[in-house]
C-alpha atoms as a PDB file:
ATOM      1  CA  MET A   1       0.000   0.000   0.000  1.00  0.00           C
ATOM      2  CA  ALA A   2       1.345   3.426  -0.928  1.00  0.00           C
ATOM      3  CA  VAL A   3       1.708   5.883   1.916  1.00  0.00           C
ATOM      4  CA  ASP A   4       0.114   9.292   1.367  1.00  0.00           C
ATOM      5  CA  GLU A   5       3.132  11.543   1.988  1.00  0.00           C
ATOM      6  CA  GLN A   6       1.021  14.648   2.763  1.00  0.00           C
ATOM      7  CA  ALA A   7      -1.214  12.760   5.176  1.00  0.00           C
ATOM      8  CA  LEU A   8       1.915  11.330   6.832  1.00  0.00           C
ATOM      9  CA  ALA A   9       3.436  14.803   7.240  1.00  0.00           C
ATOM     10  CA  ASP A  10       0.169  16.213   8.597  1.00  0.00           C
ATOM     11  CA  SER A  11      -0.212  13.326  11.057  1.00  0.00           C
ATOM     12  CA  ILE A  12       3.381  13.636  12.293  1.00  0.00           C
ATOM     13  CA  ASP A  13       2.939  17.408  12.710  1.00  0.00           C
ATOM     14  CA  ALA A  14      -0.281  16.919  14.698  1.00  0.00           C
ATOM     15  CA  LEU A  15       1.257  14.269  16.950  1.00  0.00           C
ATOM     16  CA  THR A  16       4.419  16.314  17.474  1.00  0.00           C
ATOM     17  CA  GLY A  17       2.334  19.385  18.294  1.00  0.00           C
ATOM     18  CA  SER A  18       0.393  17.428  20.898  1.00  0.00           C
ATOM     19  CA  LEU A  19       3.620  16.633  22.748  1.00  0.00           C
ATOM     20  CA  ALA A  20       3.723  20.140  24.202  1.00  0.00           C
ATOM     21  CA  GLY A  21       1.115  18.993  26.740  1.00  0.00           C
ATOM     22  CA  LEU A  22       3.673  16.633  28.246  1.00  0.00           C
ATOM     23  CA  ALA A  23       5.930  19.477  29.358  1.00  0.00           C
ATOM     24  CA  GLY A  24       3.207  21.332  31.237  1.00  0.00           C
ATOM     25  CA  PRO A  25       0.483  20.208  33.626  1.00  0.00           C
ATOM     26  CA  PRO A  26      -0.473  16.545  33.269  1.00  0.00           C
ATOM     27  CA  MET A  27      -3.143  16.918  30.561  1.00  0.00           C
ATOM     28  CA  GLN A  28      -2.385  13.492  29.108  1.00  0.00           C
ATOM     29  CA  SER A  29      -0.164  10.712  30.301  1.00  0.00           C
ATOM     30  CA  ALA A  30       2.644   9.161  28.285  1.00  0.00           C
ATOM     31  CA  SER A  31       0.410   6.105  27.908  1.00  0.00           C
ATOM     32  CA  ALA A  32      -2.327   8.179  26.280  1.00  0.00           C
ATOM     33  CA  HIS A  33       0.203   9.655  23.869  1.00  0.00           C
ATOM     34  CA  LEU A  34       1.559   6.185  23.033  1.00  0.00           C
ATOM     35  CA  ALA A  35      -1.989   5.019  22.337  1.00  0.00           C
ATOM     36  CA  ALA A  36      -2.556   8.009  20.029  1.00  0.00           C
ATOM     37  CA  VAL A  37       0.658   7.315  18.113  1.00  0.00           C
ATOM     38  CA  VAL A  38      -0.060   3.625  17.551  1.00  0.00           C
ATOM     39  CA  ALA A  39      -3.654   4.361  16.500  1.00  0.00           C
ATOM     40  CA  ALA A  40      -2.523   7.064  14.059  1.00  0.00           C
ATOM     41  CA  ALA A  41       0.199   4.825  12.636  1.00  0.00           C
ATOM     42  CA  ALA A  42      -2.226   1.933  12.094  1.00  0.00           C
ATOM     43  CA  ASP A  43      -4.755   4.156  10.337  1.00  0.00           C
ATOM     44  CA  LEU A  44      -2.358   6.103   8.156  1.00  0.00           C
ATOM     45  CA  LEU A  45      -0.026   3.266   7.218  1.00  0.00           C
ATOM     46  CA  GLY A  46      -2.843   0.857   6.442  1.00  0.00           C
ATOM     47  CA  VAL A  47      -1.586  -1.969   8.633  1.00  0.00           C
ATOM     48  CA  ASP A  48      -3.699  -4.341  10.676  1.00  0.00           C
ATOM     49  CA  SER A  49      -2.027  -3.641  14.034  1.00  0.00           C
ATOM     50  CA  VAL A  50       0.706  -1.592  15.678  1.00  0.00           C
ATOM     51  CA  GLY A  51       2.571  -2.241  18.908  1.00  0.00           C
ATOM     52  CA  ILE A  52       5.386  -0.680  20.918  1.00  0.00           C
ATOM     53  CA  LEU A  53       8.052  -2.387  22.994  1.00  0.00           C
ATOM     54  CA  LEU A  54      10.111  -0.240  25.402  1.00  0.00           C
ATOM     55  CA  LEU A  55      13.044  -0.998  27.673  1.00  0.00           C
ATOM     56  CA  ASP A  56      12.266  -1.116  31.380  1.00  0.00           C
ATOM     57  CA  GLU A  57      14.596   0.194  34.092  1.00  0.00           C
ATOM     58  CA  VAL A  58      16.669  -3.009  34.037  1.00  0.00           C
ATOM     59  CA  GLY A  59      17.057  -3.073  30.253  1.00  0.00           C
ATOM     60  CA  ARG A  60      14.403  -5.629  29.287  1.00  0.00           C
ATOM     61  CA  LEU A  61      11.881  -5.041  26.508  1.00  0.00           C
ATOM     62  CA  ARG A  62       8.317  -4.679  27.751  1.00  0.00           C
ATOM     63  CA  ALA A  63       5.022  -4.290  25.886  1.00  0.00           C
ATOM     64  CA  ALA A  64       3.997  -0.637  26.162  1.00  0.00           C
ATOM     65  CA  ALA A  65       1.137  -0.054  23.693  1.00  0.00           C
ATOM     66  CA  SER A  66      -0.851  -1.881  21.056  1.00  0.00           C
ATOM     67  CA  THR A  67      -3.859  -1.333  18.830  1.00  0.00           C
ATOM     68  CA  THR A  68      -5.282  -4.866  18.845  1.00  0.00           C
ATOM     69  CA  ALA A  69      -5.153  -8.140  20.722  1.00  0.00           C
ATOM     70  CA  THR A  70      -2.927  -9.461  17.920  1.00  0.00           C
ATOM     71  CA  ALA A  71      -0.361  -6.676  18.410  1.00  0.00           C
ATOM     72  CA  ASP A  72      -0.523  -7.111  22.171  1.00  0.00           C
ATOM     73  CA  ARG A  73       0.089 -10.851  21.834  1.00  0.00           C
ATOM     74  CA  LEU A  74       3.062 -10.295  19.493  1.00  0.00           C
ATOM     75  CA  GLU A  75       4.604  -7.813  21.930  1.00  0.00           C
ATOM     76  CA  GLN A  76       3.990 -10.090  24.922  1.00  0.00           C
ATOM     77  CA  ALA A  77       5.457 -13.103  23.087  1.00  0.00           C
ATOM     78  CA  GLN A  78       8.574 -11.156  22.066  1.00  0.00           C
ATOM     79  CA  GLN A  79       8.898  -9.977  25.670  1.00  0.00           C
ATOM     80  CA  GLN A  80       8.575 -13.510  27.059  1.00  0.00           C
ATOM     81  CA  LEU A  81      10.750 -15.328  24.521  1.00  0.00           C
ATOM     82  CA  GLY A  82      13.420 -12.681  23.958  1.00  0.00           C
ATOM     83  CA  ILE A  83      13.254 -13.127  20.184  1.00  0.00           C
ATOM     84  CA  GLY A  84      11.488 -11.432  17.304  1.00  0.00           C
ATOM     85  CA  PRO A  85      11.734  -8.477  14.961  1.00  0.00           C
ATOM     86  CA  GLY A  86      11.571  -6.080  17.933  1.00  0.00           C
ATOM     87  CA  HIS A  87      14.622  -7.668  19.541  1.00  0.00           C
ATOM     88  CA  ASP A  88      16.435  -7.708  16.208  1.00  0.00           C
ATOM     89  CA  SER A  89      15.670  -4.010  15.741  1.00  0.00           C
ATOM     90  CA  MET A  90      17.204  -3.314  19.152  1.00  0.00           C
ATOM     91  CA  THR A  91      20.313  -5.365  18.364  1.00  0.00           C
ATOM     92  CA  SER A  92      20.868  -3.922  14.896  1.00  0.00           C
ATOM     93  CA  ARG A  93      19.792  -0.415  15.915  1.00  0.00           C
ATOM     94  CA  GLY A  94      17.932  -0.300  12.618  1.00  0.00           C
ATOM     95  CA  THR A  95      14.642  -1.088  10.952  1.00  0.00           C
ATOM     96  CA  VAL A  96      13.867  -4.789  10.503  1.00  0.00           C
ATOM     97  CA  LEU A  97      11.577  -5.818   7.642  1.00  0.00           C
ATOM     98  CA  VAL A  98      10.021  -9.291   7.866  1.00  0.00           C
ATOM     99  CA  PRO A  99       7.784 -10.011   4.864  1.00  0.00           C
ATOM    100  CA  ASP A 100       6.490 -13.359   6.191  1.00  0.00           C
ATOM    101  CA  LEU A 101       7.055 -14.099   9.879  1.00  0.00           C
ATOM    102  CA  PRO A 102       6.002 -17.792   9.713  1.00  0.00           C
ATOM    103  CA  ALA A 103       8.499 -18.382   6.871  1.00  0.00           C
ATOM    104  CA  GLU A 104      11.478 -17.232   8.971  1.00  0.00           C
ATOM    105  CA  PRO A 105      13.091 -20.217  10.751  1.00  0.00           C
ATOM    106  CA  ALA A 106      14.678 -17.965  13.377  1.00  0.00           C
ATOM    107  CA  TYR A 107      11.198 -16.931  14.522  1.00  0.00           C
ATOM    108  CA  SER A 108       9.703 -20.446  14.756  1.00  0.00           C
ATOM    109  CA  PRO A 109       9.341 -20.350  18.585  1.00  0.00           C
ATOM    110  CA  LEU A 110       7.661 -16.943  18.298  1.00  0.00           C
ATOM    111  CA  VAL A 111       5.260 -18.143  15.586  1.00  0.00           C
ATOM    112  CA  ALA A 112       4.354 -21.195  17.713  1.00  0.00           C
ATOM    113  CA  GLU A 113       3.633 -18.934  20.687  1.00  0.00           C
ATOM    114  CA  LEU A 114       1.400 -16.684  18.555  1.00  0.00           C
ATOM    115  CA  ALA A 115      -1.073 -19.376  17.491  1.00  0.00           C
ATOM    116  CA  PRO A 116      -3.990 -18.857  16.846  1.00  0.00           C
ATOM    117  CA  PHE A 117      -3.254 -15.207  15.962  1.00  0.00           C
ATOM    118  CA  ARG A 118      -2.638 -14.553  12.286  1.00  0.00           C
ATOM    119  CA  ILE A 119       0.535 -12.539  11.757  1.00  0.00           C
ATOM    120  CA  GLY A 120       2.208 -12.381   8.357  1.00  0.00           C
ATOM    121  CA  ALA A 121       4.480  -9.373   7.873  1.00  0.00           C
ATOM    122  CA  VAL A 122       6.168  -7.348  10.639  1.00  0.00           C
ATOM    123  CA  LEU A 123       8.160  -4.124  10.332  1.00  0.00           C
ATOM    124  CA  SER A 124      10.073  -3.056  13.445  1.00  0.00           C
ATOM    125  CA  ALA A 125      11.569   0.461  13.644  1.00  0.00           C
ATOM    126  CA  PRO A 126      13.847   1.505  16.520  1.00  0.00           C
ATOM    127  CA  ILE A 127      12.786   4.230  18.939  1.00  0.00           C
ATOM    128  CA  TRP A 128      15.651   6.556  19.825  1.00  0.00           C
ATOM    129  CA  VAL A 129      16.024   8.924  22.787  1.00  0.00           C
ATOM    130  CA  GLU A 130      19.278  10.851  22.817  1.00  0.00           C
ATOM    131  CA  GLN A 131      21.984   8.383  21.703  1.00  0.00           C
ATOM    132  CA  ASP A 132      20.263   5.140  22.664  1.00  0.00           C
ATOM    133  CA  VAL A 133      17.627   2.830  21.244  1.00  0.00           C
ATOM    134  CA  VAL A 134      14.962   2.441  23.944  1.00  0.00           C
ATOM    135  CA  GLY A 135      12.416   0.346  22.128  1.00  0.00           C
ATOM    136  CA  ASN A 136      10.679  -0.187  18.839  1.00  0.00           C
ATOM    137  CA  LEU A 137       7.514   0.444  16.906  1.00  0.00           C
ATOM    138  CA  ASN A 138       6.107  -2.703  15.285  1.00  0.00           C
ATOM    139  CA  LEU A 139       3.792  -2.599  12.264  1.00  0.00           C
ATOM    140  CA  ILE A 140       1.861  -5.825  11.709  1.00  0.00           C
ATOM    141  CA  ARG A 141      -0.012  -7.227   8.732  1.00  0.00           C
ATOM    142  CA  SER A 142      -2.061 -10.382   8.991  1.00  0.00           C
ATOM    143  CA  ASP A 143      -0.799 -11.593   5.588  1.00  0.00           C
ATOM    144  CA  ALA A 144       2.660 -11.736   4.037  1.00  0.00           C
ATOM    145  CA  HIS A 145       3.735  -8.401   2.569  1.00  0.00           C
ATOM    146  CA  SER A 146       6.863  -7.004   0.917  1.00  0.00           C
ATOM    147  CA  TRP A 147       7.527  -3.811   2.853  1.00  0.00           C
ATOM    148  CA  THR A 148       8.431  -0.781   0.738  1.00  0.00           C
ATOM    149  CA  GLU A 149      11.100   1.806   1.421  1.00  0.00           C
ATOM    150  CA  GLN A 150       8.295   4.340   1.794  1.00  0.00           C
ATOM    151  CA  GLU A 151       6.665   2.240   4.525  1.00  0.00           C
ATOM    152  CA  ALA A 152      10.023   1.877   6.276  1.00  0.00           C
ATOM    153  CA  ARG A 153      10.546   5.676   6.205  1.00  0.00           C
ATOM    154  CA  ALA A 154       7.023   6.284   7.501  1.00  0.00           C
ATOM    155  CA  SER A 155       7.503   3.855  10.392  1.00  0.00           C
ATOM    156  CA  THR A 156      10.785   5.575  11.247  1.00  0.00           C
ATOM    157  CA  ALA A 157       8.985   8.937  11.336  1.00  0.00           C
ATOM    158  CA  TYR A 158       6.427   7.568  13.792  1.00  0.00           C
ATOM    159  CA  ALA A 159       9.168   5.980  15.903  1.00  0.00           C
ATOM    160  CA  GLU A 160      10.847   9.411  16.067  1.00  0.00           C
ATOM    161  CA  VAL A 161       7.625  10.928  17.451  1.00  0.00           C
ATOM    162  CA  VAL A 162       7.574   8.247  20.153  1.00  0.00           C
ATOM    163  CA  GLY A 163      11.221   9.012  20.991  1.00  0.00           C
ATOM    164  CA  LYS A 164      10.451  12.733  21.307  1.00  0.00           C
ATOM    165  CA  MET A 165       7.455  11.964  23.488  1.00  0.00           C
ATOM    166  CA  LEU A 166       9.501   9.740  25.792  1.00  0.00           C
ATOM    167  CA  SER A 167      12.253  12.336  26.036  1.00  0.00           C
ATOM    168  CA  ILE A 168       9.798  15.101  26.966  1.00  0.00           C
ATOM    169  CA  SER A 169       7.974  12.813  29.414  1.00  0.00           C
ATOM    170  CA  ALA A 170      11.221  11.793  31.099  1.00  0.00           C
ATOM    171  CA  ARG A 171      12.370  15.387  31.499  1.00  0.00           C
ATOM    172  CA  SER A 172       9.029  16.365  33.008  1.00  0.00           C
ATOM    173  CA  GLY A 173       9.038  13.338  35.336  1.00  0.00           C
ATOM    174  CA  LYS A 174       5.828  11.897  33.861  1.00  0.00           C
ATOM    175  CA  TYR A 175       7.306   8.775  32.341  1.00  0.00           C
ATOM    176  CA  ARG A 176       8.064   5.814  34.545  1.00  0.00           C
ATOM    177  CA  PRO A 177       9.359   2.634  32.953  1.00  0.00           C
ATOM    178  CA  ALA A 178       7.606  -0.624  33.613  1.00  0.00           C
ATOM    179  CA  ALA A 179       8.692  -2.816  36.481  1.00  0.00           C
ATOM    180  CA  PRO A 180       9.923  -6.337  35.677  1.00  0.00           C
ATOM    181  CA  ASP A 181       6.347  -7.624  36.027  1.00  0.00           C
ATOM    182  CA  GLY A 182       5.231  -5.208  33.282  1.00  0.00           C
ATOM    183  CA  ARG A 183       3.276  -2.828  35.522  1.00  0.00           C
ATOM    184  CA  PRO A 184       4.188   0.856  35.847  1.00  0.00           C
ATOM    185  CA  ASP A 185       6.767   1.221  38.589  1.00  0.00           C
ATOM    186  CA  ALA A 186       6.309   4.299  40.765  1.00  0.00           C
ATOM    187  CA  ALA A 187       9.675   3.685  42.420  1.00  0.00           C
ATOM    188  CA  HIS A 188      11.621   4.306  39.237  1.00  0.00           C
ATOM    189  CA  ARG A 189      11.661   7.580  37.378  1.00  0.00           C
ATOM    190  CA  GLY A 190      12.108   7.448  33.595  1.00  0.00           C
ATOM    191  CA  ARG A 191      15.584   8.162  32.408  1.00  0.00           C
ATOM    192  CA  GLY A 192      15.714  10.600  29.511  1.00  0.00           C
ATOM    193  CA  HIS A 193      18.227   8.707  27.445  1.00  0.00           C
ATOM    194  CA  HIS A 194      17.956   7.536  23.841  1.00  0.00           C
ATOM    195  CA  ALA A 195      17.772   9.089  20.315  1.00  0.00           C
ATOM    196  CA  ARG A 196      19.772   9.401  17.138  1.00  0.00           C
END
């Protein structure tokens, strides 16, 4: 599917503009902003689901946002198994394009864990804050799909919005990483580190 470049630019501008609320009084939480980003990405990019994995305070990837039960299950399975496009995006510090997840032998344990959910293609773009990758944005299609360069660029643009949001939230003290059990941890303040 071709990405409408003007609609992408308008959506990114609107999401970026909404980040100003994070620096002032708590109008919206970081979670609400994450939900808005994943919903906008799913709609604009024409994918079936979108999810976000973020590092917790001890450096483990944790599910942070998703648009559907399918995306949530993919994020949870990657979190539990320690494998998947999200982990590969973290390791490579780059975008990972998987046209057909079930056809990739390296992801066999992940695919087995995802049954009965139907996941074909996954695109995972790193989320940067400062100089570090702190997570990834995962685009999901239920069928196999050859990702285009345009789709990869668009996912990177959305991942950059998430990175900006996390940076602003951390500076304002509104972002707290998840505890090892996946729940928000009030004892740990977010650390404003990670970006390109």
